[in-house]
Protein backbone atom coordinates (compact mmCIF):
# COMPACT_ATOMS: atom_id res chain seq x y z
CA MET A 1 42.27 -22.90 6.32
CA LEU A 2 41.25 -24.70 9.36
CA ARG A 3 38.95 -27.40 9.11
CA LEU A 4 36.00 -27.27 11.50
CA HIS A 5 35.70 -31.14 11.15
CA LYS A 6 38.68 -31.94 12.62
CA SER A 7 39.45 -33.03 16.37
CA ARG A 8 43.09 -31.70 17.71
CA ASP A 9 44.86 -35.25 17.16
CA GLY A 10 44.12 -34.07 13.70
CA MET A 11 41.47 -37.44 13.30
CA PRO A 12 37.83 -36.61 11.54
CA MET A 13 35.53 -35.56 14.37
CA THR A 14 32.47 -38.14 15.11
CA PRO A 15 29.22 -36.96 14.66
CA ALA A 16 28.67 -37.68 18.11
CA GLN A 17 32.05 -34.92 18.93
CA LEU A 18 30.76 -32.32 16.55
CA HIS A 19 27.23 -32.60 17.93
CA GLU A 20 28.65 -31.49 21.26
CA SER A 21 30.82 -28.50 19.88
CA LEU A 22 28.09 -26.98 18.35
CA ALA A 23 26.75 -25.22 21.36
CA ASP A 24 30.34 -24.14 21.68
CA MET A 25 30.80 -22.53 18.70
CA ALA A 26 27.82 -20.64 19.06
CA LEU A 27 28.71 -19.33 21.95
CA LEU A 28 32.26 -18.53 20.30
CA VAL A 29 30.44 -16.49 17.85
CA ARG A 30 28.36 -14.54 21.07
CA VAL A 31 31.80 -13.76 22.93
CA ILE A 32 33.50 -12.29 19.73
CA ASP A 33 30.79 -10.43 19.48
CA ALA A 34 30.16 -9.39 22.69
CA GLY A 35 34.00 -8.44 22.88
CA ASN A 36 34.51 -9.97 26.93
CA PHE A 37 33.17 -12.70 28.52
CA SER A 38 31.20 -10.78 31.43
CA GLU A 39 28.82 -9.37 28.35
CA ALA A 40 28.24 -12.93 26.59
CA ALA A 41 27.26 -14.33 29.75
CA ARG A 42 24.92 -11.29 30.65
CA GLN A 43 23.25 -11.85 27.03
CA LEU A 44 22.93 -15.45 27.94
CA GLY A 45 21.84 -15.09 31.22
CA SER A 46 24.98 -17.06 32.66
CA LEU A 47 28.34 -17.02 34.20
CA PRO A 48 31.28 -15.33 32.86
CA SER A 49 33.20 -18.36 34.29
CA SER A 50 30.71 -20.63 32.71
CA VAL A 51 31.23 -19.30 29.47
CA SER A 52 34.90 -18.99 29.78
CA ARG A 53 34.91 -23.03 30.54
CA GLN A 54 33.18 -23.59 27.26
CA ILE A 55 35.25 -21.51 25.28
CA LYS A 56 38.20 -23.54 27.03
CA ARG A 57 36.70 -26.51 25.93
CA LEU A 58 36.07 -25.68 22.00
CA GLU A 59 39.81 -24.72 21.89
CA GLN A 60 40.63 -28.01 23.39
CA SER A 61 38.52 -30.08 21.08
CA LEU A 62 39.62 -28.29 17.72
CA GLY A 63 43.32 -28.37 19.13
CA ALA A 64 43.75 -24.17 18.39
CA GLN A 65 43.81 -20.89 20.54
CA LEU A 66 41.00 -18.70 19.13
CA LEU A 67 41.33 -16.39 21.82
CA GLU A 68 43.73 -13.56 23.19
CA ARG A 69 42.59 -13.19 26.47
CA THR A 70 43.13 -9.81 28.75
CA THR A 71 41.81 -8.21 32.14
CA ARG A 72 39.07 -6.42 29.86
CA ARG A 73 39.02 -7.57 26.75
CA ILE A 74 38.94 -10.88 24.31
CA ARG A 75 39.99 -10.85 20.72
CA PRO A 76 40.26 -13.57 18.24
CA THR A 77 43.14 -15.22 16.92
CA GLU A 78 43.95 -15.44 13.72
CA SER A 79 42.43 -19.26 14.04
CA GLY A 80 39.91 -18.14 15.85
CA MET A 81 38.76 -15.48 13.58
CA GLU A 82 38.73 -18.53 10.50
CA VAL A 83 36.75 -20.93 13.46
CA TYR A 84 34.39 -17.52 13.62
CA ARG A 85 33.46 -17.39 10.40
CA HIS A 86 32.49 -20.85 9.79
CA CYS A 87 30.31 -20.49 12.92
CA THR A 88 28.86 -17.23 11.75
CA ARG A 89 27.98 -18.94 8.41
CA MET A 90 26.19 -21.95 10.73
CA LEU A 91 24.09 -19.82 13.09
CA GLU A 92 23.28 -18.04 9.34
CA ALA A 93 22.04 -21.62 8.28
CA ALA A 94 20.37 -22.44 11.29
CA ASN A 95 18.32 -19.37 11.27
CA SER A 96 17.48 -20.16 7.81
CA ALA A 97 16.32 -23.51 9.01
CA VAL A 98 14.16 -21.68 11.40
CA ASP A 99 12.35 -19.39 9.02
CA VAL A 100 12.08 -22.31 6.77
CA ALA A 101 10.28 -23.77 9.34
CA GLY A 102 7.93 -20.88 10.31
CA GLU A 103 7.07 -19.95 6.47
CA LEU A 104 5.99 -23.55 5.99
CA ALA A 105 3.38 -23.78 8.96
CA ALA A 106 2.23 -19.63 8.31
CA SER A 107 0.85 -17.50 5.28
CA PRO A 108 2.94 -14.55 4.39
CA LYS A 109 3.33 -11.67 7.05
CA GLY A 110 5.19 -9.21 8.55
CA ARG A 111 7.18 -6.56 7.21
CA VAL A 112 9.22 -5.94 4.31
CA ARG A 113 11.65 -3.49 4.04
CA LEU A 114 12.27 -2.30 0.37
CA SER A 115 14.93 0.81 -0.65
CA ALA A 116 14.81 2.40 -4.35
CA PRO A 117 15.87 5.51 -5.74
CA THR A 118 13.62 8.59 -5.09
CA GLN A 119 12.00 9.14 -8.29
CA PHE A 120 11.75 5.09 -9.25
CA ALA A 121 9.98 4.78 -5.97
CA ARG A 122 7.73 7.19 -6.29
CA THR A 123 6.30 7.20 -9.77
CA VAL A 124 6.66 3.75 -10.27
CA LEU A 125 6.67 1.71 -6.91
CA HIS A 126 4.81 3.68 -5.30
CA PRO A 127 1.18 2.87 -6.87
CA LEU A 128 2.43 -1.11 -7.25
CA VAL A 129 2.93 -1.28 -3.30
CA LEU A 130 -0.64 -0.17 -2.93
CA GLU A 131 -2.26 -2.53 -5.18
CA PHE A 132 0.02 -5.17 -3.10
CA LEU A 133 -0.93 -4.52 0.17
CA LYS A 134 -4.54 -5.04 -0.81
CA HIS A 135 -4.18 -7.99 -2.05
CA HIS A 136 -1.89 -9.45 1.20
CA PRO A 137 -3.43 -7.91 4.05
CA GLN A 138 -1.25 -9.44 6.72
CA ILE A 139 1.91 -8.44 5.27
CA GLU A 140 3.59 -4.42 5.89
CA VAL A 141 6.09 -2.42 3.44
CA GLN A 142 8.87 -0.09 4.29
CA LEU A 143 9.70 2.00 1.54
CA VAL A 144 12.75 3.61 1.58
CA PHE A 145 13.42 6.54 -0.75
CA ASN A 146 17.23 6.62 -1.37
CA ASP A 147 19.13 7.88 -3.64
CA LEU A 148 22.70 6.45 -2.21
CA ASP A 149 23.29 2.73 -3.60
CA ALA A 150 22.02 0.61 -0.27
CA ASP A 151 23.30 -2.27 0.97
CA PRO A 152 20.65 -5.31 2.33
CA LEU A 153 22.70 -6.52 4.33
CA ALA A 154 24.57 -3.14 6.18
CA ASP A 155 21.79 -1.34 6.17
CA ASP A 156 19.19 -3.78 7.22
CA LEU A 157 16.87 -4.22 4.08
CA ASP A 158 15.28 -7.16 2.36
CA LEU A 159 15.17 -6.01 -0.99
CA VAL A 160 17.20 -2.86 -2.73
CA ILE A 161 16.24 -2.07 -6.44
CA ARG A 162 19.24 0.25 -8.01
CA LEU A 163 20.21 1.30 -11.38
CA THR A 164 23.14 -0.77 -12.86
CA ASP A 165 24.40 -2.71 -15.47
CA ARG A 166 24.83 -5.90 -13.27
CA PRO A 167 24.66 -6.77 -9.70
CA PRO A 168 27.42 -5.78 -7.40
CA GLN A 169 29.44 -8.58 -6.46
CA GLY A 170 28.46 -10.18 -3.33
CA LEU A 171 24.47 -9.37 -4.11
CA ALA A 172 21.98 -11.85 -6.14
CA GLY A 173 19.49 -10.23 -8.17
CA ARG A 174 16.53 -10.05 -10.73
CA PRO A 175 16.34 -7.70 -13.67
CA LEU A 176 13.29 -5.16 -14.13
CA GLY A 177 13.76 -3.66 -17.42
CA ARG A 178 16.04 -1.09 -18.96
CA VAL A 179 15.52 2.31 -18.27
CA ARG A 180 15.15 4.56 -21.32
CA TRP A 181 16.02 8.48 -21.75
CA LEU A 182 13.30 10.54 -23.46
CA LEU A 183 13.23 14.43 -24.69
CA CYS A 184 10.05 15.87 -24.12
CA ALA A 185 8.67 19.08 -23.94
CA SER A 186 5.51 20.54 -23.45
CA PRO A 187 3.08 21.10 -26.03
CA GLY A 188 2.89 25.08 -25.69
CA TYR A 189 6.80 25.21 -25.80
CA LEU A 190 6.65 23.36 -29.47
CA LYS A 191 4.07 25.40 -30.62
CA ASN A 192 5.82 28.59 -29.67
CA HIS A 193 9.79 27.56 -30.68
CA GLY A 194 8.70 24.94 -33.49
CA ILE A 195 9.87 21.10 -33.23
CA PRO A 196 13.42 20.16 -33.83
CA SER A 197 13.55 17.37 -36.50
CA VAL A 198 17.31 16.53 -36.45
CA PRO A 199 19.86 16.54 -33.06
CA LEU A 200 21.01 19.78 -34.05
CA ASP A 201 18.44 21.53 -34.14
CA LEU A 202 18.30 21.27 -30.21
CA ALA A 203 21.18 24.02 -30.25
CA GLN A 204 18.70 26.41 -31.15
CA HIS A 205 16.25 25.36 -28.09
CA GLN A 206 16.06 25.82 -24.62
CA CYS A 207 17.02 22.44 -22.56
CA VAL A 208 16.94 21.34 -19.71
CA TYR A 209 19.62 19.00 -18.47
CA LEU A 210 21.20 17.61 -15.29
CA GLY A 211 24.80 19.61 -14.74
CA GLU A 212 26.57 17.18 -12.55
CA THR A 213 29.35 17.13 -14.94
CA PRO A 214 30.23 19.19 -18.47
CA ASP A 215 29.18 16.17 -20.34
CA ASP A 216 25.68 16.40 -19.03
CA SER A 217 25.41 19.50 -21.54
CA ARG A 218 26.46 17.72 -24.86
CA TRP A 219 23.71 15.40 -25.42
CA LYS A 220 24.27 12.08 -27.77
CA LEU A 221 21.69 10.56 -30.08
CA ARG A 222 21.59 7.80 -32.17
CA ARG A 223 19.35 6.32 -35.19
CA GLY A 224 20.40 2.76 -37.08
CA ASP A 225 24.07 3.30 -37.18
CA ARG A 226 24.08 7.37 -37.34
CA THR A 227 24.78 9.05 -34.40
CA GLN A 228 24.81 13.12 -33.56
CA SER A 229 26.61 14.94 -30.43
CA VAL A 230 24.83 18.45 -29.90
CA GLN A 231 26.13 21.01 -27.17
CA VAL A 232 22.55 22.22 -25.64
CA ASN A 233 22.28 24.91 -23.28
CA GLY A 234 19.32 26.29 -21.22
CA ARG A 235 17.93 28.57 -18.26
CA TYR A 236 17.28 25.91 -16.21
CA ILE A 237 19.70 22.96 -14.86
CA ALA A 238 18.63 20.26 -12.81
CA ASN A 239 19.94 16.97 -11.75
CA HIS A 240 16.47 15.95 -10.43
CA ALA A 241 14.42 14.08 -12.86
CA GLY A 242 11.12 15.14 -11.62
CA ALA A 243 12.38 18.74 -11.34
CA ARG A 244 13.22 18.53 -15.14
CA LEU A 245 9.43 16.82 -15.78
CA SER A 246 8.20 20.03 -14.23
CA ALA A 247 10.20 22.33 -16.21
CA ALA A 248 9.48 21.23 -19.20
CA GLU A 249 5.46 21.17 -18.36
CA ASN A 250 5.85 24.76 -17.45
CA ASP A 251 7.18 25.66 -20.72
CA LEU A 252 10.30 26.22 -19.71
CA GLY A 253 12.16 24.02 -23.16
CA ILE A 254 12.95 20.16 -23.68
CA ALA A 255 14.11 18.18 -20.88
CA ASN A 256 16.08 14.41 -20.82
CA LEU A 257 13.67 12.36 -18.52
CA PRO A 258 14.10 8.56 -17.69
CA ASP A 259 11.12 7.31 -19.24
CA PHE A 260 9.54 6.00 -16.21
CA ILE A 261 9.70 9.57 -15.00
CA ALA A 262 8.09 10.84 -18.25
CA ARG A 263 5.08 7.63 -18.73
CA ASP A 264 2.42 9.47 -17.09
CA ALA A 265 2.78 12.86 -18.72
CA LEU A 266 2.98 11.54 -21.91
CA ALA A 267 -0.27 9.39 -21.55
CA GLN A 268 -1.94 12.30 -20.62
CA GLY A 269 -0.53 14.78 -23.06
CA ARG A 270 1.33 16.82 -20.75
CA VAL A 271 4.60 16.65 -22.72
CA LEU A 272 5.33 15.30 -26.07
CA HIS A 273 8.35 13.13 -27.37
CA VAL A 274 10.68 14.89 -28.89
CA LEU A 275 13.01 13.53 -32.03
CA PRO A 276 11.11 9.66 -31.02
CA GLU A 277 13.26 8.27 -34.26
CA TRP A 278 16.36 9.42 -32.56
CA GLU A 279 17.66 7.55 -29.35
CA LEU A 280 19.02 9.24 -26.61
CA ASP A 281 22.07 7.84 -25.33
CA PRO A 282 22.30 8.92 -21.61
CA GLY A 283 26.05 8.06 -21.19
CA LYS A 284 26.77 7.17 -17.73
CA TYR A 285 23.13 7.47 -16.40
CA GLN A 286 22.37 4.19 -18.44
CA GLY A 287 21.45 1.13 -17.37
CA GLU A 288 19.12 -1.67 -15.81
CA ILE A 289 16.69 -1.43 -12.88
CA TRP A 290 18.17 -4.49 -10.60
CA LEU A 291 15.76 -6.10 -7.40
CA LEU A 292 18.98 -6.67 -5.43
CA TYR A 293 19.05 -8.97 -2.33
CA HIS A 294 21.70 -10.85 -0.17
CA PRO A 295 22.55 -13.97 -2.03
CA THR A 296 23.05 -16.18 0.90
CA ARG A 297 19.89 -14.77 3.30
CA PHE A 298 17.07 -17.18 3.53
CA LEU A 299 13.74 -15.22 1.39
CA PRO A 300 10.90 -15.57 3.81
CA ALA A 301 7.70 -15.73 1.71
CA LYS A 302 6.61 -12.15 2.46
CA VAL A 303 9.67 -11.18 0.34
CA ARG A 304 9.02 -14.05 -2.15
CA VAL A 305 5.38 -12.98 -2.58
CA LEU A 306 6.43 -8.97 -3.53
CA ILE A 307 9.83 -9.95 -5.52
CA ASP A 308 6.96 -11.75 -7.49
CA HIS A 309 3.94 -9.09 -7.60
CA LEU A 310 6.91 -6.94 -8.84
CA ILE A 311 8.23 -8.96 -11.63
CA ALA A 312 4.50 -9.68 -12.52
CA HIS A 313 4.08 -5.99 -13.03
CA LEU A 314 8.03 -4.19 -14.17
CA GLY A 315 9.69 -7.51 -15.60
CA GLY A 316 11.42 -6.47 -19.00
CA SER A 317 9.38 -3.57 -19.19
CA ALA A 318 10.88 -0.88 -16.23
């Protein structure tokens, strides 16, 4: 690995020499990102010949060829790509220093972009965001309803909420709680069809399930050391939790639902918890709700206060 603190003769750079090379290192990032000297010069309001001389000076300082030049484009050499990675991190650190200085001098303000699964965003986050905005008039929140696995850096997001067992590699995060799955049905349905007393009774009922895989129609329930599995059937199959809740409310059967989807309907009596002493095993859909962000990105005050707000209301109880 090429070490940036060595000069071309192998001796350590003096602080003065390193300082002189910092601007050239930043320019290297600009040139590689732009793809040629002319575009980099245009972005900087400079001349291609001046940009070329600075890159040549950096190559001489480091004692390594960083770019392969053609008449139309440039591309980094192996050494150039390694130097580029270091210089990119240097610029990220510089940007963070600027952000820190700005944050210390100002109250939290600006836009925060937050992505979350559609139903969790609508049911849980939306009310919390409304409350948050009342207390932080200088902050804007863009809530992105997204059922795909968003990436904070690639998708230009400040925060991402995802159902997972642990933060994916390369991301940092805070747990908001574990999702519990429930069986729910309307009072009307249970009055007309009876209340199941054991899991095997579910085979005699209309059940509303996901249907994404064959295993979705086989519900597994656990009570202490006991586990029972039952094949369920029903007239309505939907891979959308909101649709399954609506079906249960309309007397179409017993639906499997994440607890945050069923919470309000249970509190208002629109549905009842079926087999409450049994725990439903959601299979591949189990996991914790994680609030994720890029680990090397400085978190501005506007992001930190939103994280604190969500943790205060959801931490451990999502």
